[in-house]
Amino acid sequence: MASESRKIKILVMDDEEIVGDIAKQMLNYLGYEVALAKDGNEALSLYKSQLSYGGDPFHAVIMDLTIPGGMGGRETVGEILAVDPGAKVIVSSGYSNDPIMVHCKEHGFSAAIAKPFDLQSLKSIIESLL
């Protein structure tokens, strides 16, 4: 588990409330501090706020690839990287064969994780980026 003193912050963006809640519970269990966003606009706003608040950005962002009727990870990753080129952005989707999931780094993402998440996969992918 992450050290309490490190306060590693993870931002999770997903339009499905239950997916966000489960991801938050899993990440909290692993010792991380978690913020939730329902779409790209909210995620970008939270990311910018966290960055300007003492310059302590989120350590990683997990973004749903597509958000029906809203800005998904596909569009948001570029916006996040524009304000923080060092951002660690993980794309997530239930469609693991989507070209962006397969070639995530070519699209600005640091890594990809398939839904539904399992605790070990989530832990491994985050630890590999920190």
N, C-alpha and C. Protein backbone atom coordinates (compact mmCIF):
# COMPACT_ATOMS: atom_id res chain seq x y z
N MET A 1 0.83 -1.19 0.00
CA MET A 1 0.00 0.00 0.00
C MET A 1 0.87 1.25 0.00
N ALA A 2 0.33 2.33 -0.52
CA ALA A 2 1.05 3.58 -0.59
C ALA A 2 1.20 4.16 0.82
N SER A 3 2.28 4.86 1.01
CA SER A 3 2.52 5.48 2.31
C SER A 3 1.55 6.64 2.51
N GLU A 4 1.01 6.74 3.71
CA GLU A 4 0.06 7.81 4.03
C GLU A 4 0.72 9.18 3.86
N SER A 5 2.02 9.29 4.17
CA SER A 5 2.69 10.58 4.11
C SER A 5 2.90 11.06 2.68
N ARG A 6 2.87 10.16 1.72
CA ARG A 6 3.10 10.54 0.33
C ARG A 6 1.89 11.22 -0.29
N LYS A 7 0.69 10.88 0.16
CA LYS A 7 -0.55 11.45 -0.37
C LYS A 7 -0.57 11.46 -1.89
N ILE A 8 -0.42 10.30 -2.46
CA ILE A 8 -0.47 10.17 -3.91
C ILE A 8 -1.92 10.36 -4.33
N LYS A 9 -2.11 11.29 -5.28
CA LYS A 9 -3.46 11.66 -5.71
C LYS A 9 -3.74 11.12 -7.11
N ILE A 10 -4.87 10.47 -7.25
CA ILE A 10 -5.30 9.91 -8.53
C ILE A 10 -6.64 10.53 -8.91
N LEU A 11 -6.76 10.93 -10.15
CA LEU A 11 -8.02 11.45 -10.69
C LEU A 11 -8.64 10.37 -11.57
N VAL A 12 -9.89 10.05 -11.32
CA VAL A 12 -10.61 9.04 -12.11
C VAL A 12 -11.77 9.73 -12.83
N MET A 13 -11.80 9.59 -14.15
CA MET A 13 -12.88 10.17 -14.95
C MET A 13 -13.67 9.04 -15.59
N ASP A 14 -14.96 8.97 -15.24
CA ASP A 14 -15.85 7.98 -15.84
C ASP A 14 -17.27 8.50 -15.72
N ASP A 15 -18.05 8.36 -16.78
CA ASP A 15 -19.43 8.84 -16.75
C ASP A 15 -20.36 7.93 -15.97
N GLU A 16 -19.94 6.69 -15.74
CA GLU A 16 -20.76 5.76 -14.97
C GLU A 16 -20.37 5.87 -13.51
N GLU A 17 -21.31 6.37 -12.70
CA GLU A 17 -21.04 6.63 -11.28
C GLU A 17 -20.54 5.38 -10.56
N ILE A 18 -21.13 4.23 -10.84
CA ILE A 18 -20.73 3.00 -10.15
C ILE A 18 -19.28 2.62 -10.49
N VAL A 19 -18.86 2.84 -11.73
CA VAL A 19 -17.48 2.53 -12.12
C VAL A 19 -16.51 3.44 -11.36
N GLY A 20 -16.84 4.73 -11.30
CA GLY A 20 -16.01 5.67 -10.56
C GLY A 20 -15.95 5.33 -9.08
N ASP A 21 -17.10 4.99 -8.51
CA ASP A 21 -17.14 4.65 -7.08
C ASP A 21 -16.32 3.40 -6.77
N ILE A 22 -16.42 2.39 -7.61
CA ILE A 22 -15.65 1.16 -7.39
C ILE A 22 -14.16 1.42 -7.54
N ALA A 23 -13.79 2.18 -8.58
CA ALA A 23 -12.38 2.53 -8.77
C ALA A 23 -11.86 3.31 -7.56
N LYS A 24 -12.68 4.24 -7.05
CA LYS A 24 -12.27 5.03 -5.89
C LYS A 24 -12.07 4.12 -4.67
N GLN A 25 -12.99 3.20 -4.44
CA GLN A 25 -12.85 2.28 -3.31
C GLN A 25 -11.58 1.45 -3.43
N MET A 26 -11.31 0.95 -4.62
CA MET A 26 -10.11 0.14 -4.84
C MET A 26 -8.84 0.96 -4.60
N LEU A 27 -8.82 2.17 -5.16
CA LEU A 27 -7.64 3.03 -5.02
C LEU A 27 -7.46 3.48 -3.57
N ASN A 28 -8.57 3.79 -2.87
CA ASN A 28 -8.48 4.13 -1.45
C ASN A 28 -7.90 2.96 -0.66
N TYR A 29 -8.34 1.76 -0.98
CA TYR A 29 -7.84 0.55 -0.32
C TYR A 29 -6.32 0.43 -0.52
N LEU A 30 -5.85 0.82 -1.70
CA LEU A 30 -4.41 0.77 -2.00
C LEU A 30 -3.65 1.93 -1.36
N GLY A 31 -4.37 2.86 -0.73
CA GLY A 31 -3.72 3.95 -0.02
C GLY A 31 -3.65 5.27 -0.76
N TYR A 32 -4.35 5.38 -1.88
CA TYR A 32 -4.30 6.61 -2.67
C TYR A 32 -5.46 7.53 -2.33
N GLU A 33 -5.23 8.82 -2.53
CA GLU A 33 -6.28 9.83 -2.41
C GLU A 33 -6.90 9.95 -3.80
N VAL A 34 -8.23 9.99 -3.88
CA VAL A 34 -8.91 9.92 -5.18
C VAL A 34 -9.92 11.04 -5.35
N ALA A 35 -9.94 11.62 -6.55
CA ALA A 35 -10.97 12.57 -6.95
C ALA A 35 -11.68 11.97 -8.17
N LEU A 36 -12.98 12.24 -8.27
CA LEU A 36 -13.77 11.70 -9.38
C LEU A 36 -14.27 12.83 -10.27
N ALA A 37 -14.32 12.55 -11.56
CA ALA A 37 -14.89 13.47 -12.55
C ALA A 37 -15.79 12.67 -13.47
N LYS A 38 -16.88 13.30 -13.92
CA LYS A 38 -17.84 12.57 -14.77
C LYS A 38 -17.57 12.74 -16.26
N ASP A 39 -16.76 13.75 -16.65
CA ASP A 39 -16.43 13.94 -18.06
C ASP A 39 -15.12 14.72 -18.18
N GLY A 40 -14.69 14.92 -19.41
CA GLY A 40 -13.42 15.59 -19.65
C GLY A 40 -13.36 17.02 -19.16
N ASN A 41 -14.46 17.75 -19.31
CA ASN A 41 -14.47 19.13 -18.84
C ASN A 41 -14.24 19.21 -17.34
N GLU A 42 -14.92 18.35 -16.59
CA GLU A 42 -14.75 18.34 -15.14
C GLU A 42 -13.35 17.86 -14.77
N ALA A 43 -12.85 16.85 -15.47
CA ALA A 43 -11.50 16.33 -15.19
C ALA A 43 -10.44 17.41 -15.44
N LEU A 44 -10.58 18.11 -16.55
CA LEU A 44 -9.62 19.17 -16.88
C LEU A 44 -9.66 20.29 -15.84
N SER A 45 -10.86 20.66 -15.41
CA SER A 45 -11.01 21.70 -14.39
C SER A 45 -10.36 21.26 -13.08
N LEU A 46 -10.62 20.02 -12.65
CA LEU A 46 -10.02 19.50 -11.41
C LEU A 46 -8.50 19.42 -11.54
N TYR A 47 -8.02 18.98 -12.71
CA TYR A 47 -6.58 18.85 -12.92
C TYR A 47 -5.91 20.21 -12.83
N LYS A 48 -6.49 21.20 -13.51
CA LYS A 48 -5.92 22.55 -13.49
C LYS A 48 -5.94 23.13 -12.08
N SER A 49 -7.04 22.91 -11.35
CA SER A 49 -7.13 23.41 -9.97
C SER A 49 -6.06 22.79 -9.10
N GLN A 50 -5.89 21.48 -9.22
CA GLN A 50 -4.90 20.77 -8.40
C GLN A 50 -3.49 21.23 -8.75
N LEU A 51 -3.24 21.48 -10.03
CA LEU A 51 -1.93 21.92 -10.48
C LEU A 51 -1.60 23.30 -9.94
N SER A 52 -2.58 24.19 -9.96
CA SER A 52 -2.34 25.55 -9.49
C SER A 52 -2.32 25.65 -7.96
N TYR A 53 -2.91 24.66 -7.30
CA TYR A 53 -2.93 24.64 -5.83
C TYR A 53 -1.58 24.14 -5.32
N GLY A 54 -0.63 25.06 -5.22
CA GLY A 54 0.68 24.71 -4.70
C GLY A 54 1.53 23.91 -5.67
N GLY A 55 1.09 23.79 -6.93
CA GLY A 55 1.87 23.07 -7.93
C GLY A 55 1.97 21.58 -7.68
N ASP A 56 1.00 21.02 -6.94
CA ASP A 56 1.02 19.60 -6.61
C ASP A 56 -0.04 18.88 -7.44
N PRO A 57 0.34 18.43 -8.64
CA PRO A 57 -0.66 17.84 -9.54
C PRO A 57 -1.07 16.42 -9.11
N PHE A 58 -2.09 15.94 -9.79
CA PHE A 58 -2.44 14.53 -9.61
C PHE A 58 -1.26 13.71 -10.11
N HIS A 59 -0.97 12.61 -9.42
CA HIS A 59 0.14 11.76 -9.81
C HIS A 59 -0.21 10.90 -11.01
N ALA A 60 -1.51 10.63 -11.19
CA ALA A 60 -1.97 9.85 -12.34
C ALA A 60 -3.46 10.17 -12.58
N VAL A 61 -3.87 9.97 -13.81
CA VAL A 61 -5.26 10.18 -14.20
C VAL A 61 -5.71 8.92 -14.94
N ILE A 62 -6.87 8.40 -14.55
CA ILE A 62 -7.47 7.26 -15.27
C ILE A 62 -8.70 7.81 -15.97
N MET A 63 -8.72 7.70 -17.31
CA MET A 63 -9.80 8.29 -18.09
C MET A 63 -10.51 7.28 -18.95
N ASP A 64 -11.83 7.29 -18.85
CA ASP A 64 -12.66 6.49 -19.75
C ASP A 64 -12.44 7.02 -21.16
N LEU A 65 -12.24 6.12 -22.10
CA LEU A 65 -11.96 6.52 -23.48
C LEU A 65 -13.09 7.34 -24.09
N THR A 66 -14.33 6.88 -23.91
CA THR A 66 -15.46 7.59 -24.51
C THR A 66 -16.50 7.93 -23.44
N ILE A 67 -17.03 9.12 -23.56
CA ILE A 67 -18.10 9.60 -22.68
C ILE A 67 -19.25 10.01 -23.59
N PRO A 68 -20.35 9.25 -23.62
CA PRO A 68 -21.47 9.61 -24.48
C PRO A 68 -21.98 11.03 -24.16
N GLY A 69 -22.02 11.87 -25.18
CA GLY A 69 -22.52 13.22 -25.01
C GLY A 69 -21.57 14.15 -24.29
N GLY A 70 -20.33 13.73 -24.06
CA GLY A 70 -19.37 14.58 -23.35
C GLY A 70 -17.96 14.35 -23.85
N MET A 71 -17.02 15.08 -23.27
CA MET A 71 -15.62 14.97 -23.67
C MET A 71 -15.01 13.76 -22.96
N GLY A 72 -14.58 12.76 -23.73
CA GLY A 72 -13.97 11.56 -23.19
C GLY A 72 -12.46 11.67 -23.14
N GLY A 73 -11.82 10.58 -22.79
CA GLY A 73 -10.37 10.55 -22.69
C GLY A 73 -9.66 10.85 -23.99
N ARG A 74 -10.24 10.41 -25.08
CA ARG A 74 -9.66 10.64 -26.41
C ARG A 74 -9.40 12.13 -26.63
N GLU A 75 -10.36 12.98 -26.25
CA GLU A 75 -10.23 14.42 -26.43
C GLU A 75 -9.49 15.09 -25.27
N THR A 76 -9.65 14.56 -24.08
CA THR A 76 -9.15 15.22 -22.88
C THR A 76 -7.66 15.04 -22.67
N VAL A 77 -7.10 13.92 -23.12
CA VAL A 77 -5.67 13.67 -22.87
C VAL A 77 -4.80 14.80 -23.42
N GLY A 78 -5.11 15.31 -24.60
CA GLY A 78 -4.33 16.40 -25.18
C GLY A 78 -4.43 17.68 -24.36
N GLU A 79 -5.62 17.94 -23.82
CA GLU A 79 -5.83 19.13 -23.00
C GLU A 79 -5.03 19.04 -21.70
N ILE A 80 -5.00 17.86 -21.11
CA ILE A 80 -4.24 17.65 -19.86
C ILE A 80 -2.74 17.81 -20.14
N LEU A 81 -2.28 17.19 -21.23
CA LEU A 81 -0.85 17.27 -21.56
C LEU A 81 -0.44 18.69 -21.94
N ALA A 82 -1.37 19.50 -22.44
CA ALA A 82 -1.07 20.90 -22.77
C ALA A 82 -0.77 21.71 -21.52
N VAL A 83 -1.44 21.39 -20.40
CA VAL A 83 -1.17 22.13 -19.16
C VAL A 83 -0.10 21.46 -18.31
N ASP A 84 0.14 20.16 -18.53
CA ASP A 84 1.16 19.42 -17.78
C ASP A 84 1.74 18.33 -18.67
N PRO A 85 2.79 18.66 -19.43
CA PRO A 85 3.37 17.68 -20.37
C PRO A 85 3.86 16.39 -19.70
N GLY A 86 4.08 16.43 -18.39
CA GLY A 86 4.55 15.24 -17.68
C GLY A 86 3.44 14.40 -17.08
N ALA A 87 2.19 14.75 -17.38
CA ALA A 87 1.06 14.03 -16.79
C ALA A 87 1.09 12.56 -17.17
N LYS A 88 0.71 11.72 -16.21
CA LYS A 88 0.59 10.28 -16.42
C LYS A 88 -0.89 9.97 -16.60
N VAL A 89 -1.31 9.75 -17.83
CA VAL A 89 -2.72 9.55 -18.13
C VAL A 89 -2.94 8.12 -18.62
N ILE A 90 -3.82 7.42 -17.94
CA ILE A 90 -4.14 6.02 -18.25
C ILE A 90 -5.51 6.00 -18.91
N VAL A 91 -5.60 5.40 -20.08
CA VAL A 91 -6.89 5.27 -20.75
C VAL A 91 -7.56 3.98 -20.28
N SER A 92 -8.88 4.04 -20.10
CA SER A 92 -9.61 2.84 -19.71
C SER A 92 -10.82 2.66 -20.62
N SER A 93 -11.14 1.41 -20.89
CA SER A 93 -12.29 1.10 -21.73
C SER A 93 -12.65 -0.36 -21.56
N GLY A 94 -13.91 -0.65 -21.81
CA GLY A 94 -14.35 -2.04 -21.85
C GLY A 94 -14.04 -2.66 -23.20
N TYR A 95 -13.63 -1.83 -24.15
CA TYR A 95 -13.30 -2.31 -25.50
C TYR A 95 -11.79 -2.40 -25.63
N SER A 96 -11.22 -3.49 -25.14
CA SER A 96 -9.76 -3.63 -25.09
C SER A 96 -9.12 -3.72 -26.47
N ASN A 97 -9.91 -4.00 -27.51
CA ASN A 97 -9.35 -4.09 -28.86
C ASN A 97 -9.46 -2.77 -29.63
N ASP A 98 -9.95 -1.71 -28.98
CA ASP A 98 -10.00 -0.40 -29.61
C ASP A 98 -8.57 0.01 -29.97
N PRO A 99 -8.36 0.57 -31.17
CA PRO A 99 -7.00 0.97 -31.57
C PRO A 99 -6.30 1.90 -30.58
N ILE A 100 -7.04 2.76 -29.91
CA ILE A 100 -6.42 3.66 -28.94
C ILE A 100 -5.95 2.88 -27.72
N MET A 101 -6.70 1.86 -27.32
CA MET A 101 -6.29 1.02 -26.19
C MET A 101 -5.03 0.22 -26.56
N VAL A 102 -5.00 -0.28 -27.78
CA VAL A 102 -3.88 -1.10 -28.24
C VAL A 102 -2.61 -0.27 -28.42
N HIS A 103 -2.77 0.94 -28.95
CA HIS A 103 -1.62 1.82 -29.25
C HIS A 103 -1.74 3.11 -28.44
N CYS A 104 -1.97 2.98 -27.15
CA CYS A 104 -2.28 4.14 -26.30
C CYS A 104 -1.19 5.21 -26.29
N LYS A 105 0.07 4.80 -26.32
CA LYS A 105 1.16 5.78 -26.24
C LYS A 105 1.20 6.68 -27.47
N GLU A 106 0.76 6.17 -28.61
CA GLU A 106 0.71 6.97 -29.84
C GLU A 106 -0.35 8.06 -29.75
N HIS A 107 -1.25 7.93 -28.78
CA HIS A 107 -2.35 8.89 -28.61
C HIS A 107 -2.17 9.76 -27.37
N GLY A 108 -0.98 9.73 -26.77
CA GLY A 108 -0.67 10.59 -25.64
C GLY A 108 -0.86 9.97 -24.26
N PHE A 109 -1.39 8.76 -24.21
CA PHE A 109 -1.60 8.10 -22.92
C PHE A 109 -0.32 7.41 -22.47
N SER A 110 -0.16 7.26 -21.16
CA SER A 110 1.01 6.58 -20.60
C SER A 110 0.80 5.07 -20.55
N ALA A 111 -0.47 4.65 -20.43
CA ALA A 111 -0.79 3.23 -20.30
C ALA A 111 -2.29 3.05 -20.55
N ALA A 112 -2.70 1.79 -20.63
CA ALA A 112 -4.12 1.45 -20.82
C ALA A 112 -4.51 0.37 -19.83
N ILE A 113 -5.76 0.43 -19.38
CA ILE A 113 -6.30 -0.59 -18.49
C ILE A 113 -7.72 -0.92 -18.95
N ALA A 114 -7.98 -2.21 -19.07
CA ALA A 114 -9.31 -2.66 -19.52
C ALA A 114 -10.28 -2.70 -18.34
N LYS A 115 -11.53 -2.37 -18.64
CA LYS A 115 -12.60 -2.50 -17.65
C LYS A 115 -13.23 -3.87 -17.83
N PRO A 116 -13.75 -4.46 -16.81
CA PRO A 116 -13.76 -3.98 -15.42
C PRO A 116 -12.38 -4.11 -14.78
N PHE A 117 -12.05 -3.15 -13.92
CA PHE A 117 -10.77 -3.17 -13.22
C PHE A 117 -10.73 -4.30 -12.21
N ASP A 118 -9.54 -4.84 -11.99
CA ASP A 118 -9.34 -5.71 -10.83
C ASP A 118 -8.22 -5.07 -10.01
N LEU A 119 -8.21 -5.35 -8.75
CA LEU A 119 -7.31 -4.69 -7.82
C LEU A 119 -5.84 -4.83 -8.23
N GLN A 120 -5.43 -6.03 -8.61
CA GLN A 120 -4.02 -6.26 -8.95
C GLN A 120 -3.61 -5.49 -10.21
N SER A 121 -4.46 -5.46 -11.23
CA SER A 121 -4.15 -4.72 -12.45
C SER A 121 -4.03 -3.23 -12.17
N LEU A 122 -4.97 -2.73 -11.38
CA LEU A 122 -4.97 -1.31 -11.03
C LEU A 122 -3.70 -0.95 -10.26
N LYS A 123 -3.36 -1.77 -9.30
CA LYS A 123 -2.14 -1.55 -8.49
C LYS A 123 -0.90 -1.58 -9.38
N SER A 124 -0.80 -2.58 -10.23
CA SER A 124 0.38 -2.73 -11.08
C SER A 124 0.57 -1.56 -12.03
N ILE A 125 -0.51 -1.15 -12.66
CA ILE A 125 -0.39 -0.08 -13.66
C ILE A 125 -0.02 1.24 -13.01
N ILE A 126 -0.58 1.54 -11.86
CA ILE A 126 -0.25 2.79 -11.18
C ILE A 126 1.19 2.76 -10.67
N GLU A 127 1.57 1.65 -10.05
CA GLU A 127 2.94 1.56 -9.54
C GLU A 127 3.97 1.65 -10.67
N SER A 128 3.62 1.16 -11.86
CA SER A 128 4.56 1.22 -12.98
C SER A 128 4.78 2.65 -13.46
N LEU A 129 3.85 3.57 -13.16
CA LEU A 129 3.96 4.95 -13.62
C LEU A 129 4.51 5.90 -12.57
N LEU A 130 4.49 5.49 -11.31
CA LEU A 130 4.94 6.41 -10.24
C LEU A 130 6.44 6.34 -10.02
